[in-house]
Protein backbone atom coordinates (compact mmCIF):
# COMPACT_ATOMS: atom_id res chain seq x y z
CA UNK A 1 145.84 249.93 -71.03
CA UNK A 2 146.83 253.25 -73.16
CA UNK A 3 145.86 252.46 -76.47
CA UNK A 4 146.84 254.53 -79.88
CA UNK A 5 145.11 253.39 -82.76
CA UNK A 6 146.75 254.22 -86.18
CA UNK A 7 144.47 254.11 -88.86
CA UNK A 8 141.18 254.90 -87.28
CA UNK A 9 139.21 253.96 -90.54
CA UNK A 10 136.48 251.44 -90.44
CA UNK A 11 137.85 248.37 -88.60
CA UNK A 12 140.62 250.52 -86.39
CA UNK A 13 138.01 253.20 -85.29
CA UNK A 14 135.36 250.39 -84.59
CA UNK A 15 138.08 248.81 -82.34
CA UNK A 16 138.99 252.34 -80.76
CA UNK A 17 135.28 253.26 -79.94
CA UNK A 18 134.46 249.94 -78.51
CA UNK A 19 137.72 250.00 -76.39
CA UNK A 20 137.04 253.81 -75.24
CA UNK A 21 133.64 252.70 -74.44
CA UNK A 22 134.73 249.95 -72.18
CA UNK A 23 136.84 252.17 -70.23
CA UNK A 24 140.25 252.10 -71.89
CA UNK A 25 142.14 255.20 -72.70
CA UNK A 26 142.55 255.44 -76.72
CA UNK A 27 143.92 257.95 -78.90
CA UNK A 28 142.77 257.77 -82.77
CA UNK A 29 145.38 258.80 -85.40
CA UNK A 30 143.67 259.82 -88.79
CA UNK A 31 143.41 262.02 -91.39
CA UNK A 32 141.11 264.10 -93.81
CA UNK A 33 137.11 264.91 -93.13
CA UNK A 34 137.28 261.49 -91.22
CA UNK A 35 139.44 263.29 -88.54
CA UNK A 36 137.72 266.68 -88.97
CA UNK A 37 134.26 265.27 -88.10
CA UNK A 38 135.52 262.89 -85.01
CA UNK A 39 137.49 266.02 -83.45
CA UNK A 40 134.29 268.60 -84.02
CA UNK A 41 131.55 265.66 -83.28
CA UNK A 42 133.13 262.62 -81.70
CA UNK A 43 132.90 258.96 -83.26
CA UNK A 44 129.71 257.06 -83.87
CA UNK A 45 129.41 253.47 -84.55
CA UNK A 46 126.40 251.78 -85.69
CA UNK A 47 125.50 248.53 -86.52
CA UNK A 48 123.88 244.88 -85.33
CA UNK A 49 125.37 245.20 -81.83
CA UNK A 50 126.94 248.82 -81.91
CA UNK A 51 125.10 252.04 -80.92
CA UNK A 52 128.09 253.84 -79.61
CA UNK A 53 128.91 257.75 -79.61
CA UNK A 54 132.25 258.34 -77.79
CA UNK A 55 134.73 261.26 -77.77
CA UNK A 56 138.54 260.09 -78.15
CA UNK A 57 141.70 261.97 -78.42
CA UNK A 58 142.00 262.41 -82.49
CA UNK A 59 145.40 263.34 -84.04
CA UNK A 60 147.03 263.53 -86.85
CA UNK A 61 150.68 263.36 -85.96
CA UNK A 62 151.26 260.68 -83.24
CA UNK A 63 153.74 262.68 -81.82
CA UNK A 64 150.92 264.18 -80.03
CA UNK A 65 149.84 261.56 -78.08
CA UNK A 66 153.51 260.01 -76.57
CA UNK A 67 154.05 256.58 -75.22
CA UNK A 68 151.36 254.30 -74.75
CA UNK A 69 150.87 250.88 -73.74
CA UNK A 70 149.71 249.37 -76.99
CA UNK A 71 149.86 250.61 -80.33
CA UNK A 72 147.26 248.96 -82.98
CA UNK A 73 148.16 249.68 -86.32
CA UNK A 74 144.99 249.62 -88.82
CA UNK A 75 146.32 250.92 -91.73
CA UNK A 76 146.23 249.69 -95.36
CA UNK A 77 149.26 247.58 -96.04
CA UNK A 78 150.67 250.19 -98.32
CA UNK A 79 150.33 253.43 -96.06
CA UNK A 80 152.22 251.81 -93.45
CA UNK A 81 156.34 251.86 -94.74
CA UNK A 82 155.95 255.86 -95.41
CA UNK A 83 154.20 256.23 -91.94
CA UNK A 84 156.45 254.04 -90.10
CA UNK A 85 159.17 256.91 -89.31
CA UNK A 86 156.12 258.46 -87.28
CA UNK A 87 155.77 255.80 -84.92
CA UNK A 88 158.35 256.10 -82.08
CA UNK A 89 157.08 258.74 -80.64
CA UNK A 90 154.36 256.42 -79.09
CA UNK A 91 157.16 253.76 -78.20
CA UNK A 92 158.21 253.27 -74.82
CA UNK A 93 160.19 250.66 -72.93
CA UNK A 94 157.57 247.76 -73.36
CA UNK A 95 154.93 249.27 -75.50
CA UNK A 96 153.15 246.30 -77.65
CA UNK A 97 152.18 246.70 -81.30
CA UNK A 98 149.28 245.05 -82.47
CA UNK A 99 149.38 244.48 -86.52
CA UNK A 100 145.37 244.22 -87.46
CA UNK A 101 145.93 244.26 -91.28
CA UNK A 102 144.83 242.66 -94.41
CA UNK A 103 147.52 240.33 -96.03
CA UNK A 104 150.59 239.21 -95.41
CA UNK A 105 152.15 240.94 -92.46
CA UNK A 106 155.57 242.75 -92.44
CA UNK A 107 156.54 240.77 -89.51
CA UNK A 108 155.83 237.22 -90.96
CA UNK A 109 159.52 236.20 -91.18
CA UNK A 110 160.50 238.14 -87.68
CA UNK A 111 161.97 235.37 -85.16
CA UNK A 112 160.35 232.90 -87.25
CA UNK A 113 163.25 230.27 -87.34
CA UNK A 114 164.48 228.17 -90.14
CA UNK A 115 166.17 229.09 -93.41
CA UNK A 116 163.85 232.21 -94.11
CA UNK A 117 164.13 233.74 -90.70
CA UNK A 118 164.46 237.63 -90.83
CA UNK A 119 163.46 237.55 -94.51
CA UNK A 120 161.87 241.41 -95.49
CA UNK A 121 159.68 240.94 -98.66
CA UNK A 122 160.21 243.71 -100.76
CA UNK A 123 156.48 244.22 -101.56
CA UNK A 124 155.51 244.67 -97.34
CA UNK A 125 158.66 246.88 -96.55
CA UNK A 126 160.67 247.88 -99.60
CA UNK A 127 162.83 250.40 -97.74
CA UNK A 128 162.70 248.41 -94.48
CA UNK A 129 161.40 251.60 -92.71
CA UNK A 130 158.67 249.42 -90.59
CA UNK A 131 161.82 246.60 -89.63
CA UNK A 132 163.87 249.60 -88.34
CA UNK A 133 161.32 251.31 -86.49
CA UNK A 134 159.23 248.31 -84.60
CA UNK A 135 161.25 245.66 -82.77
CA UNK A 136 160.57 242.28 -83.34
CA UNK A 137 159.76 241.81 -79.82
CA UNK A 138 157.04 244.15 -79.61
CA UNK A 139 155.00 242.50 -82.06
CA UNK A 140 151.31 240.95 -81.45
CA UNK A 141 149.59 239.24 -84.21
CA UNK A 142 145.60 240.08 -85.14
CA UNK A 143 143.48 238.28 -87.34
CA UNK A 144 140.82 240.93 -88.60
CA UNK A 145 137.74 238.80 -89.52
CA UNK A 146 135.16 241.51 -88.73
CA UNK A 147 133.98 243.80 -91.73
CA UNK A 148 133.11 247.56 -91.41
CA UNK A 149 132.54 250.64 -93.42
CA UNK A 150 132.89 254.83 -93.08
CA UNK A 151 129.19 255.39 -94.16
CA UNK A 152 130.61 259.31 -93.48
CA UNK A 153 133.22 260.95 -92.10
CA UNK A 154 132.95 260.39 -88.49
CA UNK A 155 130.52 257.47 -88.87
CA UNK A 156 131.37 253.94 -88.70
CA UNK A 157 129.44 250.93 -89.32
CA UNK A 158 129.89 247.72 -88.20
CA UNK A 159 128.39 245.28 -90.76
CA UNK A 160 129.46 241.86 -89.35
CA UNK A 161 131.79 239.32 -87.28
CA UNK A 162 133.26 239.90 -83.81
CA UNK A 163 136.04 237.81 -83.60
CA UNK A 164 139.93 239.13 -83.58
CA UNK A 165 141.97 236.39 -82.52
CA UNK A 166 145.45 237.27 -80.84
CA UNK A 167 148.33 235.80 -80.95
CA UNK A 168 152.27 235.83 -80.25
CA UNK A 169 154.17 235.17 -83.48
CA UNK A 170 156.13 232.27 -81.20
CA UNK A 171 153.00 230.70 -80.24
CA UNK A 172 153.22 231.16 -76.61
CA UNK A 173 150.53 231.92 -73.79
CA UNK A 174 152.82 234.74 -72.45
CA UNK A 175 151.16 236.70 -69.65
CA UNK A 176 150.82 239.95 -72.05
CA UNK A 177 148.63 238.37 -74.46
CA UNK A 178 146.83 236.85 -71.95
CA UNK A 179 145.76 240.42 -70.47
CA UNK A 180 145.58 241.98 -73.87
CA UNK A 181 143.02 239.53 -74.58
CA UNK A 182 141.17 239.98 -71.63
CA UNK A 183 141.23 243.71 -72.24
CA UNK A 184 139.53 242.77 -75.85
CA UNK A 185 136.80 240.46 -74.59
CA UNK A 186 135.76 242.96 -72.02
CA UNK A 187 135.36 245.30 -74.74
CA UNK A 188 132.67 243.07 -76.69
CA UNK A 189 135.15 241.13 -79.08
CA UNK A 190 135.93 237.38 -79.38
CA UNK A 191 139.38 237.47 -78.96
CA UNK A 192 140.79 234.05 -78.24
CA UNK A 193 144.81 233.48 -77.88
CA UNK A 194 145.74 231.93 -80.65
CA UNK A 195 149.36 229.74 -80.66
CA UNK A 196 149.51 229.57 -84.40
CA UNK A 197 148.35 233.05 -85.41
CA UNK A 198 150.71 232.66 -88.75
CA UNK A 199 148.39 229.59 -89.43
CA UNK A 200 145.61 231.59 -88.99
CA UNK A 201 146.76 234.52 -91.22
CA UNK A 202 147.22 232.04 -93.82
CA UNK A 203 143.77 230.50 -93.65
CA UNK A 204 142.22 234.06 -94.22
CA UNK A 205 145.11 234.86 -96.95
CA UNK A 206 144.56 232.06 -99.11
CA UNK A 207 140.84 233.34 -99.65
CA UNK A 208 142.08 236.72 -100.26
CA UNK A 209 144.52 235.82 -102.78
CA UNK A 210 142.06 234.78 -104.95
CA UNK A 211 138.37 236.50 -104.26
CA UNK A 212 139.90 239.87 -103.97
CA UNK A 213 141.23 240.04 -107.42
CA UNK A 214 138.54 238.13 -109.18
CA UNK A 215 135.92 240.62 -107.87
CA UNK A 216 137.90 243.39 -108.86
CA UNK A 217 138.28 242.39 -112.06
CA UNK A 218 134.30 241.32 -112.35
CA UNK A 219 132.61 243.55 -109.85
CA UNK A 220 130.93 240.34 -108.50
CA UNK A 221 130.22 239.51 -104.80
CA UNK A 222 131.59 236.68 -102.66
CA UNK A 223 128.35 234.11 -103.29
CA UNK A 224 128.29 234.97 -107.03
CA UNK A 225 132.21 234.06 -107.55
CA UNK A 226 131.73 231.09 -105.35
CA UNK A 227 128.59 229.60 -107.13
CA UNK A 228 130.04 230.56 -110.61
CA UNK A 229 131.39 226.97 -112.02
CA UNK A 230 134.19 228.34 -114.21
CA UNK A 231 135.26 231.04 -111.71
CA UNK A 232 134.77 228.58 -108.61
CA UNK A 233 137.57 226.51 -110.39
CA UNK A 234 139.85 229.55 -110.88
CA UNK A 235 139.69 229.88 -107.13
CA UNK A 236 140.24 226.28 -106.24
CA UNK A 237 143.30 226.42 -108.59
CA UNK A 238 144.73 229.31 -106.71
CA UNK A 239 144.01 227.99 -103.16
CA UNK A 240 145.69 224.88 -104.23
CA UNK A 241 149.04 227.14 -105.22
CA UNK A 242 148.70 228.75 -101.99
CA UNK A 243 148.55 225.32 -99.82
CA UNK A 244 151.77 224.08 -101.71
CA UNK A 245 153.53 227.25 -100.78
CA UNK A 246 152.43 226.75 -97.32
CA UNK A 247 153.48 223.17 -97.31
CA UNK A 248 156.76 224.34 -98.56
CA UNK A 249 157.00 226.70 -95.24
CA UNK A 250 156.00 223.22 -93.26
CA UNK A 251 152.51 224.65 -92.42
CA UNK A 252 149.81 222.43 -92.66
CA UNK A 253 146.73 224.09 -93.96
CA UNK A 254 144.21 221.70 -92.76
CA UNK A 255 141.01 223.52 -94.45
CA UNK A 256 140.30 222.38 -98.15
CA UNK A 257 139.72 224.83 -100.79
CA UNK A 258 135.88 223.26 -101.31
CA UNK A 259 135.54 224.38 -97.52
CA UNK A 260 136.93 227.65 -97.74
CA UNK A 261 134.80 228.59 -101.00
CA UNK A 262 131.63 227.07 -99.08
CA UNK A 263 132.12 229.75 -96.28
CA UNK A 264 132.84 232.44 -98.61
CA UNK A 265 129.41 231.51 -100.39
CA UNK A 266 127.70 231.97 -96.89
CA UNK A 267 128.87 235.12 -96.26
CA UNK A 268 126.32 236.34 -99.17
CA UNK A 269 126.31 239.44 -101.61
CA UNK A 270 129.52 240.92 -99.99
CA UNK A 271 131.81 243.16 -101.82
CA UNK A 272 135.68 242.27 -101.06
CA UNK A 273 137.41 245.47 -99.58
CA UNK A 274 139.45 245.37 -102.62
CA UNK A 275 136.52 246.02 -104.78
CA UNK A 276 135.45 248.51 -102.32
CA UNK A 277 138.55 250.17 -102.59
CA UNK A 278 138.32 250.12 -106.27
CA UNK A 279 134.91 251.74 -106.29
CA UNK A 280 136.02 254.40 -104.22
CA UNK A 281 139.12 255.29 -106.46
CA UNK A 282 141.33 254.52 -103.58
CA UNK A 283 144.74 252.37 -104.09
CA UNK A 284 144.14 248.51 -103.75
CA UNK A 285 145.84 245.69 -101.33
CA UNK A 286 147.27 244.10 -104.11
CA UNK A 287 150.79 243.64 -102.84
CA UNK A 288 150.32 242.49 -99.11
CA UNK A 289 147.18 240.07 -100.31
CA UNK A 290 149.15 238.87 -103.68
CA UNK A 291 152.30 240.56 -105.28
CA UNK A 292 154.12 239.40 -101.64
CA UNK A 293 152.63 236.08 -101.66
CA UNK A 294 154.21 235.70 -105.58
CA UNK A 295 157.45 236.97 -104.18
CA UNK A 296 157.75 234.51 -101.21
CA UNK A 297 157.06 231.86 -104.07
CA UNK A 298 160.04 232.75 -105.87
CA UNK A 299 161.85 232.75 -102.76
CA UNK A 300 160.77 229.15 -102.27
CA UNK A 301 160.87 228.15 -106.18
CA UNK A 302 157.26 227.60 -105.97
CA UNK A 303 155.04 227.97 -109.48
CA UNK A 304 152.08 229.73 -108.85
CA UNK A 305 150.88 230.46 -112.77
CA UNK A 306 147.42 231.03 -111.86
CA UNK A 307 147.98 233.45 -109.29
CA UNK A 308 150.48 235.56 -111.34
CA UNK A 309 148.01 235.57 -114.00
CA UNK A 310 145.63 237.03 -111.84
CA UNK A 311 147.96 239.40 -110.24
CA UNK A 312 148.76 240.61 -113.41
CA UNK A 313 145.60 241.26 -114.86
CA UNK A 314 144.13 243.27 -111.50
CA UNK A 315 147.73 245.62 -111.96
CA UNK A 316 147.14 246.15 -115.58
CA UNK A 317 143.54 247.16 -114.76
CA UNK A 318 144.52 249.48 -111.76
CA UNK A 319 146.93 250.95 -114.11
CA UNK A 320 144.74 251.78 -116.91
CA UNK A 321 141.88 252.92 -114.61
CA UNK A 322 143.94 256.02 -113.17
CA UNK A 323 147.64 255.75 -114.07
CA UNK A 324 148.46 257.94 -111.07
CA UNK A 325 146.68 255.21 -108.94
CA UNK A 326 149.22 252.28 -108.75
CA UNK A 327 148.22 249.04 -107.14
CA UNK A 328 149.81 249.44 -103.65
């Protein structure tokens, strides 16, 4: 298959390097010093099970690539709406678009069924750019569970995790999702085909909604938050609000807050991605992880006071830290 990775940062670059090493054709879309370094020296990936140096095509403009079989979007959620209008040159008649991003995805209510079918959340796609460019039938969901970081331009360190579940939004076991999962598996990923990718996303998100903002406010690691009695209770209350929201959507989240918190504790002294972005002076993914959840809660008339309070405090922190860097 011919792949284009939009947002070849830590996760996108790691995925692209493994796919290229396994024999696929891969082009990376990146920017800045990272793009320059990859063009000049290639992309190096290090980690417990990685020691790769690959030399993919690296560009800043997707128009330099042309149509591909699969587009993998691994941008920060707030980067996609303004970038979406650059995606069409990558799209052929049968091109798949894999959403490998944090938070609630823009496509969540496309081909969803029920009273909210087609709902566009302003927090995710304010001007409708993504919806206009990427047709619903192209979309493949992906739950991103691994962690990685750019240690210097052109060098990515894979930290932990290897699982990237893939799923059709309608839950079907289509020939295309099976073929894509086989390619990912051959590249060294654990990529089971999920028949409930929306549920998988919520299970990850119920942790992100609580742990990411709290870590940003306190600078605490996952284990520190999970072991602090008062913070643990706040996390539990926020997760209960998310579970209530999912129930209104007709979805049973069959994992308790206690089990989800214990899973975070076992990860150890890991900084959340939102805390890492704050420390690096980058915009936070506050809207896709928390703002969009609250917007959906308003649509469904679900009271989420603990989540709302956490969102407001985190938004204020970002604005006071740098008025030019709004929480995106």
